[in-house]
Full PDB file with SEQRES, HELIX, SHEET, SSBOND, CRYST1, ORIGX, SCALE, CONECT and MASTER records, all heavy atoms in Angstrom:
SEQRES   1 A   42  PHE SER LYS ALA GLU TRP THR ALA TRP ALA THR GLN ASN          
SEQRES   2 A   42  VAL VAL CYS ALA TRP VAL ASP PHE PRO ARG GLU LYS THR          
SEQRES   3 A   42  LEU VAL PRO GLU ALA PHE ARG ALA ARG ASN GLU ALA LEU          
SEQRES   4 A   42  ALA GLN GLU                                                  
HELIX    1 AA1 ALA A    4  ASN A   13  1                                  10    
HELIX    2 AA2 LYS A   25  LEU A   27  5                                   3    
HELIX    3 AA3 GLU A   30  GLN A   41  1                                  12    
CRYST1    1.000    1.000    1.000  90.00  90.00  90.00 P 1           1          
ORIGX1      1.000000  0.000000  0.000000        0.00000                         
ORIGX2      0.000000  1.000000  0.000000        0.00000                         
ORIGX3      0.000000  0.000000  1.000000        0.00000                         
SCALE1      1.000000  0.000000  0.000000        0.00000                         
SCALE2      0.000000  1.000000  0.000000        0.00000                         
SCALE3      0.000000  0.000000  1.000000        0.00000                         
ATOM      1  N   PHE A   1      75.869 123.028 178.722  1.00  0.00           N  
ATOM      2  CA  PHE A   1      76.994 123.783 179.349  1.00  0.00           C  
ATOM      3  C   PHE A   1      76.855 123.798 180.906  1.00  0.00           C  
ATOM      4  O   PHE A   1      77.901 124.237 181.589  1.00  0.00           O  
ATOM      5  CB  PHE A   1      77.035 125.151 178.756  1.00  0.00           C  
ATOM      6  CG  PHE A   1      77.211 125.181 177.282  1.00  0.00           C  
ATOM      7  CD1 PHE A   1      76.445 126.098 176.452  1.00  0.00           C  
ATOM      8  CD2 PHE A   1      78.118 124.323 176.641  1.00  0.00           C  
ATOM      9  CE1 PHE A   1      76.626 126.086 175.100  1.00  0.00           C  
ATOM     10  CE2 PHE A   1      78.305 124.312 175.296  1.00  0.00           C  
ATOM     11  CZ  PHE A   1      77.532 125.193 174.503  1.00  0.00           C  
ATOM     12  N   SER A   2      75.787 123.563 181.466  1.00  0.00           N  
ATOM     13  CA  SER A   2      75.648 123.481 182.937  1.00  0.00           C  
ATOM     14  C   SER A   2      76.015 122.177 183.508  1.00  0.00           C  
ATOM     15  O   SER A   2      75.969 122.049 184.776  1.00  0.00           O  
ATOM     16  CB  SER A   2      74.202 123.911 183.380  1.00  0.00           C  
ATOM     17  OG  SER A   2      73.305 122.945 182.878  1.00  0.00           O  
ATOM     18  N   LYS A   3      76.295 121.224 182.721  1.00  0.00           N  
ATOM     19  CA  LYS A   3      76.535 119.834 183.114  1.00  0.00           C  
ATOM     20  C   LYS A   3      77.991 119.546 183.471  1.00  0.00           C  
ATOM     21  O   LYS A   3      78.855 119.991 182.680  1.00  0.00           O  
ATOM     22  CB  LYS A   3      76.109 118.806 182.140  1.00  0.00           C  
ATOM     23  CG  LYS A   3      74.601 119.021 181.632  1.00  0.00           C  
ATOM     24  CD  LYS A   3      73.614 118.919 182.872  1.00  0.00           C  
ATOM     25  CE  LYS A   3      72.188 118.985 182.476  1.00  0.00           C  
ATOM     26  NZ  LYS A   3      71.286 118.888 183.571  1.00  0.00           N  
ATOM     27  N   ALA A   4      78.278 118.788 184.482  1.00  0.00           N  
ATOM     28  CA  ALA A   4      79.638 118.472 184.938  1.00  0.00           C  
ATOM     29  C   ALA A   4      80.368 117.678 183.836  1.00  0.00           C  
ATOM     30  O   ALA A   4      81.571 117.850 183.693  1.00  0.00           O  
ATOM     31  CB  ALA A   4      79.598 117.578 186.206  1.00  0.00           C  
ATOM     32  N   GLU A   5      79.748 116.854 183.071  1.00  0.00           N  
ATOM     33  CA  GLU A   5      80.266 116.114 181.941  1.00  0.00           C  
ATOM     34  C   GLU A   5      80.897 117.085 181.002  1.00  0.00           C  
ATOM     35  O   GLU A   5      81.974 116.779 180.420  1.00  0.00           O  
ATOM     36  CB  GLU A   5      79.304 115.200 181.339  1.00  0.00           C  
ATOM     37  CG  GLU A   5      79.796 114.340 180.170  1.00  0.00           C  
ATOM     38  CD  GLU A   5      78.746 113.532 179.563  1.00  0.00           C  
ATOM     39  OE1 GLU A   5      77.559 113.460 179.997  1.00  0.00           O  
ATOM     40  OE2 GLU A   5      78.981 112.945 178.439  1.00  0.00           O  
ATOM     41  N   TRP A   6      80.191 118.157 180.668  1.00  0.00           N  
ATOM     42  CA  TRP A   6      80.630 119.084 179.674  1.00  0.00           C  
ATOM     43  C   TRP A   6      81.851 119.910 180.249  1.00  0.00           C  
ATOM     44  O   TRP A   6      82.966 119.943 179.626  1.00  0.00           O  
ATOM     45  CB  TRP A   6      79.615 120.174 179.340  1.00  0.00           C  
ATOM     46  CG  TRP A   6      80.229 121.384 178.639  1.00  0.00           C  
ATOM     47  CD1 TRP A   6      80.466 122.596 179.303  1.00  0.00           C  
ATOM     48  CD2 TRP A   6      80.797 121.504 177.417  1.00  0.00           C  
ATOM     49  NE1 TRP A   6      81.092 123.432 178.469  1.00  0.00           N  
ATOM     50  CE2 TRP A   6      81.322 122.806 177.323  1.00  0.00           C  
ATOM     51  CE3 TRP A   6      80.846 120.608 176.342  1.00  0.00           C  
ATOM     52  CZ2 TRP A   6      81.980 123.245 176.070  1.00  0.00           C  
ATOM     53  CZ3 TRP A   6      81.509 121.088 175.196  1.00  0.00           C  
ATOM     54  CH2 TRP A   6      82.025 122.362 175.067  1.00  0.00           C  
ATOM     55  N   THR A   7      81.792 120.300 181.464  1.00  0.00           N  
ATOM     56  CA  THR A   7      82.914 121.031 182.080  1.00  0.00           C  
ATOM     57  C   THR A   7      84.178 120.298 182.170  1.00  0.00           C  
ATOM     58  O   THR A   7      85.251 120.764 181.789  1.00  0.00           O  
ATOM     59  CB  THR A   7      82.494 121.541 183.473  1.00  0.00           C  
ATOM     60  OG1 THR A   7      81.265 122.310 183.379  1.00  0.00           O  
ATOM     61  CG2 THR A   7      83.601 122.372 184.091  1.00  0.00           C  
ATOM     62  N   ALA A   8      84.027 118.976 182.474  1.00  0.00           N  
ATOM     63  CA  ALA A   8      85.185 118.037 182.570  1.00  0.00           C  
ATOM     64  C   ALA A   8      85.820 117.979 181.218  1.00  0.00           C  
ATOM     65  O   ALA A   8      87.100 117.937 181.060  1.00  0.00           O  
ATOM     66  CB  ALA A   8      84.762 116.745 183.131  1.00  0.00           C  
ATOM     67  N   TRP A   9      85.065 117.787 180.170  1.00  0.00           N  
ATOM     68  CA  TRP A   9      85.543 117.582 178.880  1.00  0.00           C  
ATOM     69  C   TRP A   9      86.160 118.884 178.314  1.00  0.00           C  
ATOM     70  O   TRP A   9      87.267 118.933 177.735  1.00  0.00           O  
ATOM     71  CB  TRP A   9      84.442 117.117 177.841  1.00  0.00           C  
ATOM     72  CG  TRP A   9      85.011 116.772 176.422  1.00  0.00           C  
ATOM     73  CD1 TRP A   9      85.566 115.655 176.035  1.00  0.00           C  
ATOM     74  CD2 TRP A   9      85.111 117.770 175.375  1.00  0.00           C  
ATOM     75  NE1 TRP A   9      85.984 115.767 174.769  1.00  0.00           N  
ATOM     76  CE2 TRP A   9      85.756 117.052 174.294  1.00  0.00           C  
ATOM     77  CE3 TRP A   9      84.720 119.105 175.187  1.00  0.00           C  
ATOM     78  CZ2 TRP A   9      86.001 117.641 173.028  1.00  0.00           C  
ATOM     79  CZ3 TRP A   9      85.034 119.669 173.990  1.00  0.00           C  
ATOM     80  CH2 TRP A   9      85.645 118.992 172.905  1.00  0.00           C  
ATOM     81  N   ALA A  10      85.463 120.025 178.481  1.00  0.00           N  
ATOM     82  CA  ALA A  10      85.965 121.279 178.036  1.00  0.00           C  
ATOM     83  C   ALA A  10      87.270 121.700 178.696  1.00  0.00           C  
ATOM     84  O   ALA A  10      88.139 122.203 177.982  1.00  0.00           O  
ATOM     85  CB  ALA A  10      84.865 122.328 178.247  1.00  0.00           C  
ATOM     86  N   THR A  11      87.444 121.388 179.868  1.00  0.00           N  
ATOM     87  CA  THR A  11      88.633 121.752 180.624  1.00  0.00           C  
ATOM     88  C   THR A  11      89.889 121.060 180.054  1.00  0.00           C  
ATOM     89  O   THR A  11      90.973 121.603 179.946  1.00  0.00           O  
ATOM     90  CB  THR A  11      88.589 121.311 182.164  1.00  0.00           C  
ATOM     91  OG1 THR A  11      87.406 121.998 182.766  1.00  0.00           O  
ATOM     92  CG2 THR A  11      89.783 121.700 182.903  1.00  0.00           C  
ATOM     93  N   GLN A  12      89.725 119.874 179.493  1.00  0.00           N  
ATOM     94  CA  GLN A  12      90.761 119.187 178.865  1.00  0.00           C  
ATOM     95  C   GLN A  12      91.026 119.494 177.438  1.00  0.00           C  
ATOM     96  O   GLN A  12      92.112 119.153 176.905  1.00  0.00           O  
ATOM     97  CB  GLN A  12      90.573 117.657 179.086  1.00  0.00           C  
ATOM     98  CG  GLN A  12      90.516 117.171 180.450  1.00  0.00           C  
ATOM     99  CD  GLN A  12      91.860 117.417 181.159  1.00  0.00           C  
ATOM    100  OE1 GLN A  12      92.939 117.126 180.609  1.00  0.00           O  
ATOM    101  NE2 GLN A  12      91.739 117.819 182.379  1.00  0.00           N  
ATOM    102  N   ASN A  13      89.981 120.048 176.738  1.00  0.00           N  
ATOM    103  CA  ASN A  13      90.039 120.052 175.247  1.00  0.00           C  
ATOM    104  C   ASN A  13      89.951 121.384 174.595  1.00  0.00           C  
ATOM    105  O   ASN A  13      90.472 121.506 173.443  1.00  0.00           O  
ATOM    106  CB  ASN A  13      89.045 119.113 174.723  1.00  0.00           C  
ATOM    107  CG  ASN A  13      89.278 117.664 174.971  1.00  0.00           C  
ATOM    108  OD1 ASN A  13      90.174 116.969 174.463  1.00  0.00           O  
ATOM    109  ND2 ASN A  13      88.581 117.102 176.048  1.00  0.00           N  
ATOM    110  N   VAL A  14      89.272 122.346 175.099  1.00  0.00           N  
ATOM    111  CA  VAL A  14      88.957 123.684 174.509  1.00  0.00           C  
ATOM    112  C   VAL A  14      89.125 124.787 175.410  1.00  0.00           C  
ATOM    113  O   VAL A  14      89.047 124.703 176.650  1.00  0.00           O  
ATOM    114  CB  VAL A  14      87.613 123.632 173.761  1.00  0.00           C  
ATOM    115  CG1 VAL A  14      87.538 122.651 172.602  1.00  0.00           C  
ATOM    116  CG2 VAL A  14      86.488 123.299 174.743  1.00  0.00           C  
ATOM    117  N   VAL A  15      89.300 125.992 174.825  1.00  0.00           N  
ATOM    118  CA  VAL A  15      89.220 127.235 175.593  1.00  0.00           C  
ATOM    119  C   VAL A  15      87.853 127.896 175.175  1.00  0.00           C  
ATOM    120  O   VAL A  15      87.559 128.023 173.996  1.00  0.00           O  
ATOM    121  CB  VAL A  15      90.401 128.153 175.208  1.00  0.00           C  
ATOM    122  CG1 VAL A  15      90.241 129.524 175.917  1.00  0.00           C  
ATOM    123  CG2 VAL A  15      91.724 127.542 175.509  1.00  0.00           C  
ATOM    124  N   CYS A  16      87.096 128.212 176.152  1.00  0.00           N  
ATOM    125  CA  CYS A  16      85.698 128.656 175.898  1.00  0.00           C  
ATOM    126  C   CYS A  16      85.420 130.052 175.917  1.00  0.00           C  
ATOM    127  O   CYS A  16      85.619 130.813 176.899  1.00  0.00           O  
ATOM    128  CB  CYS A  16      84.768 128.008 176.982  1.00  0.00           C  
ATOM    129  SG  CYS A  16      84.781 126.201 177.064  1.00  0.00           S  
ATOM    130  N   ALA A  17      85.075 130.632 174.730  1.00  0.00           N  
ATOM    131  CA  ALA A  17      84.927 132.133 174.544  1.00  0.00           C  
ATOM    132  C   ALA A  17      83.428 132.349 174.403  1.00  0.00           C  
ATOM    133  O   ALA A  17      82.772 131.883 173.557  1.00  0.00           O  
ATOM    134  CB  ALA A  17      85.657 132.614 173.286  1.00  0.00           C  
ATOM    135  N   TRP A  18      82.851 133.308 175.149  1.00  0.00           N  
ATOM    136  CA  TRP A  18      81.423 133.739 175.214  1.00  0.00           C  
ATOM    137  C   TRP A  18      81.329 135.054 174.471  1.00  0.00           C  
ATOM    138  O   TRP A  18      81.637 136.056 174.972  1.00  0.00           O  
ATOM    139  CB  TRP A  18      81.053 133.731 176.633  1.00  0.00           C  
ATOM    140  CG  TRP A  18      79.573 133.960 176.983  1.00  0.00           C  
ATOM    141  CD1 TRP A  18      79.003 135.190 177.059  1.00  0.00           C  
ATOM    142  CD2 TRP A  18      78.665 132.945 177.340  1.00  0.00           C  
ATOM    143  NE1 TRP A  18      77.605 135.000 177.470  1.00  0.00           N  
ATOM    144  CE2 TRP A  18      77.403 133.625 177.648  1.00  0.00           C  
ATOM    145  CE3 TRP A  18      78.695 131.637 177.431  1.00  0.00           C  
ATOM    146  CZ2 TRP A  18      76.295 132.906 178.014  1.00  0.00           C  
ATOM    147  CZ3 TRP A  18      77.543 130.869 177.830  1.00  0.00           C  
ATOM    148  CH2 TRP A  18      76.353 131.602 178.031  1.00  0.00           C  
ATOM    149  N   VAL A  19      80.662 134.953 173.276  1.00  0.00           N  
ATOM    150  CA  VAL A  19      80.432 136.105 172.454  1.00  0.00           C  
ATOM    151  C   VAL A  19      78.925 136.460 172.405  1.00  0.00           C  
ATOM    152  O   VAL A  19      78.097 135.846 171.702  1.00  0.00           O  
ATOM    153  CB  VAL A  19      80.871 135.942 171.059  1.00  0.00           C  
ATOM    154  CG1 VAL A  19      80.937 137.303 170.261  1.00  0.00           C  
ATOM    155  CG2 VAL A  19      82.389 135.385 171.062  1.00  0.00           C  
ATOM    156  N   ASP A  20      78.508 137.357 173.345  1.00  0.00           N  
ATOM    157  CA  ASP A  20      77.116 137.584 173.673  1.00  0.00           C  
ATOM    158  C   ASP A  20      76.484 138.807 172.981  1.00  0.00           C  
ATOM    159  O   ASP A  20      77.118 139.748 172.830  1.00  0.00           O  
ATOM    160  CB  ASP A  20      76.920 137.640 175.077  1.00  0.00           C  
ATOM    161  CG  ASP A  20      75.610 137.400 175.752  1.00  0.00           C  
ATOM    162  OD1 ASP A  20      74.771 136.953 174.912  1.00  0.00           O  
ATOM    163  OD2 ASP A  20      75.403 137.434 176.929  1.00  0.00           O  
ATOM    164  N   PHE A  21      75.167 138.560 172.604  1.00  0.00           N  
ATOM    165  CA  PHE A  21      74.326 139.598 171.985  1.00  0.00           C  
ATOM    166  C   PHE A  21      73.029 139.672 172.739  1.00  0.00           C  
ATOM    167  O   PHE A  21      71.929 139.428 172.219  1.00  0.00           O  
ATOM    168  CB  PHE A  21      74.133 139.276 170.535  1.00  0.00           C  
ATOM    169  CG  PHE A  21      75.395 139.344 169.699  1.00  0.00           C  
ATOM    170  CD1 PHE A  21      76.219 138.186 169.624  1.00  0.00           C  
ATOM    171  CD2 PHE A  21      75.932 140.475 168.999  1.00  0.00           C  
ATOM    172  CE1 PHE A  21      77.401 138.121 168.950  1.00  0.00           C  
ATOM    173  CE2 PHE A  21      77.053 140.358 168.269  1.00  0.00           C  
ATOM    174  CZ  PHE A  21      77.787 139.249 168.254  1.00  0.00           C  
ATOM    175  N   PRO A  22      73.087 140.065 173.996  1.00  0.00           N  
ATOM    176  CA  PRO A  22      71.890 140.092 174.858  1.00  0.00           C  
ATOM    177  C   PRO A  22      70.988 141.379 174.529  1.00  0.00           C  
ATOM    178  O   PRO A  22      71.442 142.283 174.151  1.00  0.00           O  
ATOM    179  CB  PRO A  22      72.370 140.126 176.291  1.00  0.00           C  
ATOM    180  CG  PRO A  22      73.740 140.905 176.135  1.00  0.00           C  
ATOM    181  CD  PRO A  22      74.285 140.471 174.804  1.00  0.00           C  
ATOM    182  N   ARG A  23      69.784 141.322 174.948  1.00  0.00           N  
ATOM    183  CA  ARG A  23      68.944 142.466 174.899  1.00  0.00           C  
ATOM    184  C   ARG A  23      69.291 143.417 175.986  1.00  0.00           C  
ATOM    185  O   ARG A  23      69.264 144.643 175.939  1.00  0.00           O  
ATOM    186  CB  ARG A  23      67.502 142.076 174.990  1.00  0.00           C  
ATOM    187  CG  ARG A  23      66.951 141.420 173.723  1.00  0.00           C  
ATOM    188  CD  ARG A  23      65.501 141.033 173.763  1.00  0.00           C  
ATOM    189  NE  ARG A  23      65.078 140.550 172.496  1.00  0.00           N  
ATOM    190  CZ  ARG A  23      64.166 139.608 172.361  1.00  0.00           C  
ATOM    191  NH1 ARG A  23      63.554 139.143 173.342  1.00  0.00           N  
ATOM    192  NH2 ARG A  23      63.749 139.250 171.189  1.00  0.00           N  
ATOM    193  N   GLU A  24      69.626 142.837 177.238  1.00  0.00           N  
ATOM    194  CA  GLU A  24      70.169 143.632 178.343  1.00  0.00           C  
ATOM    195  C   GLU A  24      71.635 143.874 178.166  1.00  0.00           C  
ATOM    196  O   GLU A  24      72.485 143.026 178.361  1.00  0.00           O  
ATOM    197  CB  GLU A  24      69.917 142.951 179.682  1.00  0.00           C  
ATOM    198  CG  GLU A  24      70.443 143.580 180.881  1.00  0.00           C  
ATOM    199  CD  GLU A  24      69.926 145.027 180.952  1.00  0.00           C  
ATOM    200  OE1 GLU A  24      68.763 145.267 181.088  1.00  0.00           O  
ATOM    201  OE2 GLU A  24      70.883 145.958 180.855  1.00  0.00           O  
ATOM    202  N   LYS A  25      71.860 145.070 177.494  1.00  0.00           N  
ATOM    203  CA  LYS A  25      73.244 145.411 177.106  1.00  0.00           C  
ATOM    204  C   LYS A  25      74.260 145.364 178.216  1.00  0.00           C  
ATOM    205  O   LYS A  25      75.489 145.159 177.971  1.00  0.00           O  
ATOM    206  CB  LYS A  25      73.267 146.864 176.415  1.00  0.00           C  
ATOM    207  CG  LYS A  25      72.311 146.937 175.317  1.00  0.00           C  
ATOM    208  CD  LYS A  25      72.652 145.869 174.139  1.00  0.00           C  
ATOM    209  CE  LYS A  25      71.684 145.997 173.009  1.00  0.00           C  
ATOM    210  NZ  LYS A  25      71.773 144.912 172.055  1.00  0.00           N  
ATOM    211  N   THR A  26      73.852 145.635 179.474  1.00  0.00           N  
ATOM    212  CA  THR A  26      74.894 145.604 180.571  1.00  0.00           C  
ATOM    213  C   THR A  26      75.411 144.235 180.791  1.00  0.00           C  
ATOM    214  O   THR A  26      76.468 144.107 181.536  1.00  0.00           O  
ATOM    215  CB  THR A  26      74.171 146.151 181.843  1.00  0.00           C  
ATOM    216  OG1 THR A  26      73.068 145.361 182.140  1.00  0.00           O  
ATOM    217  CG2 THR A  26      73.724 147.616 181.642  1.00  0.00           C  
ATOM    218  N   LEU A  27      74.850 143.243 180.252  1.00  0.00           N  
ATOM    219  CA  LEU A  27      75.492 141.837 180.349  1.00  0.00           C  
ATOM    220  C   LEU A  27      76.867 141.774 179.692  1.00  0.00           C  
ATOM    221  O   LEU A  27      77.591 140.808 180.032  1.00  0.00           O  
ATOM    222  CB  LEU A  27      74.493 140.808 179.880  1.00  0.00           C  
ATOM    223  CG  LEU A  27      73.261 140.626 180.664  1.00  0.00           C  
ATOM    224  CD1 LEU A  27      72.312 139.636 179.987  1.00  0.00           C  
ATOM    225  CD2 LEU A  27      73.512 140.227 182.056  1.00  0.00           C  
ATOM    226  N   VAL A  28      77.170 142.638 178.832  1.00  0.00           N  
ATOM    227  CA  VAL A  28      78.358 142.621 178.061  1.00  0.00           C  
ATOM    228  C   VAL A  28      79.176 143.913 178.378  1.00  0.00           C  
ATOM    229  O   VAL A  28      78.599 145.022 178.241  1.00  0.00           O  
ATOM    230  CB  VAL A  28      78.148 142.459 176.554  1.00  0.00           C  
ATOM    231  CG1 VAL A  28      79.465 142.603 175.823  1.00  0.00           C  
ATOM    232  CG2 VAL A  28      77.460 141.283 176.241  1.00  0.00           C  
ATOM    233  N   PRO A  29      80.410 143.809 178.900  1.00  0.00           N  
ATOM    234  CA  PRO A  29      81.149 145.038 179.092  1.00  0.00           C  
ATOM    235  C   PRO A  29      81.205 145.891 177.853  1.00  0.00           C  
ATOM    236  O   PRO A  29      81.345 145.402 176.719  1.00  0.00           O  
ATOM    237  CB  PRO A  29      82.571 144.544 179.487  1.00  0.00           C  
ATOM    238  CG  PRO A  29      82.270 143.155 179.993  1.00  0.00           C  
ATOM    239  CD  PRO A  29      81.065 142.541 179.213  1.00  0.00           C  
ATOM    240  N   GLU A  30      81.106 147.249 178.092  1.00  0.00           N  
ATOM    241  CA  GLU A  30      81.053 148.156 176.918  1.00  0.00           C  
ATOM    242  C   GLU A  30      82.269 147.974 175.944  1.00  0.00           C  
ATOM    243  O   GLU A  30      82.108 148.062 174.704  1.00  0.00           O  
ATOM    244  CB  GLU A  30      81.012 149.648 177.430  1.00  0.00           C  
ATOM    245  CG  GLU A  30      80.872 150.625 176.379  1.00  0.00           C  
ATOM    246  CD  GLU A  30      80.608 151.976 176.862  1.00  0.00           C  
ATOM    247  OE1 GLU A  30      80.542 152.177 178.086  1.00  0.00           O  
ATOM    248  OE2 GLU A  30      80.513 152.999 176.034  1.00  0.00           O  
ATOM    249  N   ALA A  31      83.341 147.609 176.512  1.00  0.00           N  
ATOM    250  CA  ALA A  31      84.614 147.481 175.725  1.00  0.00           C  
ATOM    251  C   ALA A  31      84.540 146.310 174.710  1.00  0.00           C  
ATOM    252  O   ALA A  31      85.238 146.242 173.733  1.00  0.00           O  
ATOM    253  CB  ALA A  31      85.858 147.150 176.555  1.00  0.00           C  
ATOM    254  N   PHE A  32      83.529 145.316 174.951  1.00  0.00           N  
ATOM    255  CA  PHE A  32      83.433 144.125 174.101  1.00  0.00           C  
ATOM    256  C   PHE A  32      82.299 144.260 173.079  1.00  0.00           C  
ATOM    257  O   PHE A  32      82.233 143.421 172.222  1.00  0.00           O  
ATOM    258  CB  PHE A  32      83.217 142.945 174.984  1.00  0.00           C  
ATOM    259  CG  PHE A  32      84.466 142.601 175.890  1.00  0.00           C  
ATOM    260  CD1 PHE A  32      84.157 141.756 177.042  1.00  0.00           C  
ATOM    261  CD2 PHE A  32      85.693 142.906 175.630  1.00  0.00           C  
ATOM    262  CE1 PHE A  32      85.157 141.467 177.905  1.00  0.00           C  
ATOM    263  CE2 PHE A  32      86.737 142.640 176.433  1.00  0.00           C  
ATOM    264  CZ  PHE A  32      86.451 141.914 177.548  1.00  0.00           C  
ATOM    265  N   ARG A  33      81.420 145.193 173.204  1.00  0.00           N  
ATOM    266  CA  ARG A  33      80.287 145.234 172.376  1.00  0.00           C  
ATOM    267  C   ARG A  33      80.530 145.461 170.893  1.00  0.00           C  
ATOM    268  O   ARG A  33      80.086 144.641 170.103  1.00  0.00           O  
ATOM    269  CB  ARG A  33      79.300 146.372 172.809  1.00  0.00           C  
ATOM    270  CG  ARG A  33      78.775 145.993 174.262  1.00  0.00           C  
ATOM    271  CD  ARG A  33      77.954 147.215 174.802  1.00  0.00           C  
ATOM    272  NE  ARG A  33      77.858 147.068 176.245  1.00  0.00           N  
ATOM    273  CZ  ARG A  33      77.363 148.058 177.014  1.00  0.00           C  
ATOM    274  NH1 ARG A  33      76.922 149.203 176.503  1.00  0.00           N  
ATOM    275  NH2 ARG A  33      77.300 147.843 178.427  1.00  0.00           N  
ATOM    276  N   ALA A  34      81.368 146.391 170.566  1.00  0.00           N  
ATOM    277  CA  ALA A  34      81.687 146.626 169.187  1.00  0.00           C  
ATOM    278  C   ALA A  34      82.482 145.404 168.632  1.00  0.00           C  
ATOM    279  O   ALA A  34      82.352 145.040 167.453  1.00  0.00           O  
ATOM    280  CB  ALA A  34      82.502 147.953 168.975  1.00  0.00           C  
ATOM    281  N   ARG A  35      83.383 144.970 169.490  1.00  0.00           N  
ATOM    282  CA  ARG A  35      84.259 143.808 169.042  1.00  0.00           C  
ATOM    283  C   ARG A  35      83.348 142.555 168.694  1.00  0.00           C  
ATOM    284  O   ARG A  35      83.590 141.879 167.812  1.00  0.00           O  
ATOM    285  CB  ARG A  35      85.164 143.375 170.169  1.00  0.00           C  
ATOM    286  CG  ARG A  35      86.162 142.262 169.922  1.00  0.00           C  
ATOM    287  CD  ARG A  35      86.352 141.388 171.093  1.00  0.00           C  
ATOM    288  NE  ARG A  35      85.174 140.850 171.661  1.00  0.00           N  
ATOM    289  CZ  ARG A  35      85.046 140.291 172.829  1.00  0.00           C  
ATOM    290  NH1 ARG A  35      86.180 140.222 173.593  1.00  0.00           N  
ATOM    291  NH2 ARG A  35      83.926 139.848 173.338  1.00  0.00           N  
ATOM    292  N   ASN A  36      82.319 142.380 169.484  1.00  0.00           N  
ATOM    293  CA  ASN A  36      81.399 141.202 169.300  1.00  0.00           C  
ATOM    294  C   ASN A  36      80.667 141.370 167.964  1.00  0.00           C  
ATOM    295  O   ASN A  36      80.559 140.437 167.141  1.00  0.00           O  
ATOM    296  CB  ASN A  36      80.324 141.101 170.340  1.00  0.00           C  
ATOM    297  CG  ASN A  36      80.894 140.512 171.679  1.00  0.00           C  
ATOM    298  OD1 ASN A  36      82.072 140.265 171.749  1.00  0.00           O  
ATOM    299  ND2 ASN A  36      80.088 140.359 172.663  1.00  0.00           N  
ATOM    300  N   GLU A  37      80.305 142.606 167.569  1.00  0.00           N  
ATOM    301  CA  GLU A  37      79.640 142.850 166.333  1.00  0.00           C  
ATOM    302  C   GLU A  37      80.649 142.601 165.190  1.00  0.00           C  
ATOM    303  O   GLU A  37      80.310 141.936 164.203  1.00  0.00           O  
ATOM    304  CB  GLU A  37      79.167 144.285 166.234  1.00  0.00           C  
ATOM    305  CG  GLU A  37      78.015 144.668 167.157  1.00  0.00           C  
ATOM    306  CD  GLU A  37      76.731 144.053 166.705  1.00  0.00           C  
ATOM    307  OE1 GLU A  37      76.532 143.450 165.631  1.00  0.00           O  
ATOM    308  OE2 GLU A  37      75.781 143.963 167.557  1.00  0.00           O  
ATOM    309  N   ALA A  38      81.856 142.978 165.390  1.00  0.00           N  
ATOM    310  CA  ALA A  38      82.904 142.695 164.385  1.00  0.00           C  
ATOM    311  C   ALA A  38      83.199 141.291 164.186  1.00  0.00           C  
ATOM    312  O   ALA A  38      83.423 140.737 163.073  1.00  0.00           O  
ATOM    313  CB  ALA A  38      84.216 143.462 164.734  1.00  0.00           C  
ATOM    314  N   LEU A  39      83.190 140.537 165.280  1.00  0.00           N  
ATOM    315  CA  LEU A  39      83.424 139.027 165.176  1.00  0.00           C  
ATOM    316  C   LEU A  39      82.336 138.363 164.490  1.00  0.00           C  
ATOM    317  O   LEU A  39      82.548 137.480 163.560  1.00  0.00           O  
ATOM    318  CB  LEU A  39      83.576 138.483 166.549  1.00  0.00           C  
ATOM    319  CG  LEU A  39      84.876 138.762 167.341  1.00  0.00           C  
ATOM    320  CD1 LEU A  39      84.833 138.330 168.787  1.00  0.00           C  
ATOM    321  CD2 LEU A  39      86.132 138.057 166.642  1.00  0.00           C  
ATOM    322  N   ALA A  40      81.048 138.884 164.712  1.00  0.00           N  
ATOM    323  CA  ALA A  40      79.946 138.152 164.017  1.00  0.00           C  
ATOM    324  C   ALA A  40      79.968 138.480 162.559  1.00  0.00           C  
ATOM    325  O   ALA A  40      79.735 137.529 161.731  1.00  0.00           O  
ATOM    326  CB  ALA A  40      78.665 138.792 164.606  1.00  0.00           C  
ATOM    327  N   GLN A  41      80.379 139.650 162.130  1.00  0.00           N  
ATOM    328  CA  GLN A  41      80.461 140.023 160.773  1.00  0.00           C  
ATOM    329  C   GLN A  41      81.687 139.279 160.105  1.00  0.00           C  
ATOM    330  O   GLN A  41      81.636 138.729 159.038  1.00  0.00           O  
ATOM    331  CB  GLN A  41      80.773 141.535 160.600  1.00  0.00           C  
ATOM    332  CG  GLN A  41      80.719 141.982 159.155  1.00  0.00           C  
ATOM    333  CD  GLN A  41      80.758 143.514 158.993  1.00  0.00           C  
ATOM    334  OE1 GLN A  41      80.693 144.255 160.040  1.00  0.00           O  
ATOM    335  NE2 GLN A  41      80.896 144.020 157.815  1.00  0.00           N  
ATOM    336  N   GLU A  42      82.807 139.155 160.778  1.00  0.00           N  
ATOM    337  CA  GLU A  42      84.037 138.465 160.334  1.00  0.00           C  
ATOM    338  C   GLU A  42      83.715 136.976 159.949  1.00  0.00           C  
ATOM    339  O   GLU A  42      84.109 136.510 158.988  1.00  0.00           O  
ATOM    340  CB  GLU A  42      85.141 138.603 161.343  1.00  0.00           C  
ATOM    341  CG  GLU A  42      86.385 137.862 160.835  1.00  0.00           C  
ATOM    342  CD  GLU A  42      87.449 137.946 161.921  1.00  0.00           C  
ATOM    343  OE1 GLU A  42      87.287 138.657 162.971  1.00  0.00           O  
ATOM    344  OE2 GLU A  42      88.468 137.221 161.788  1.00  0.00           O  
TER     345      GLU A  42                                                      
MASTER        0    0    0    3    0    0    0    6  344    1    0    4          
END                                                                             
């Protein structure tokens, strides 16, 4: 994901959604935390 080849391809082909479960909770906005858990379960 850090490579230019990936970014060039992704820009043309997909929309990239980042659903994170970090140990450092502040990396995810509070509004998204419960939603992320719900998405993982779904």
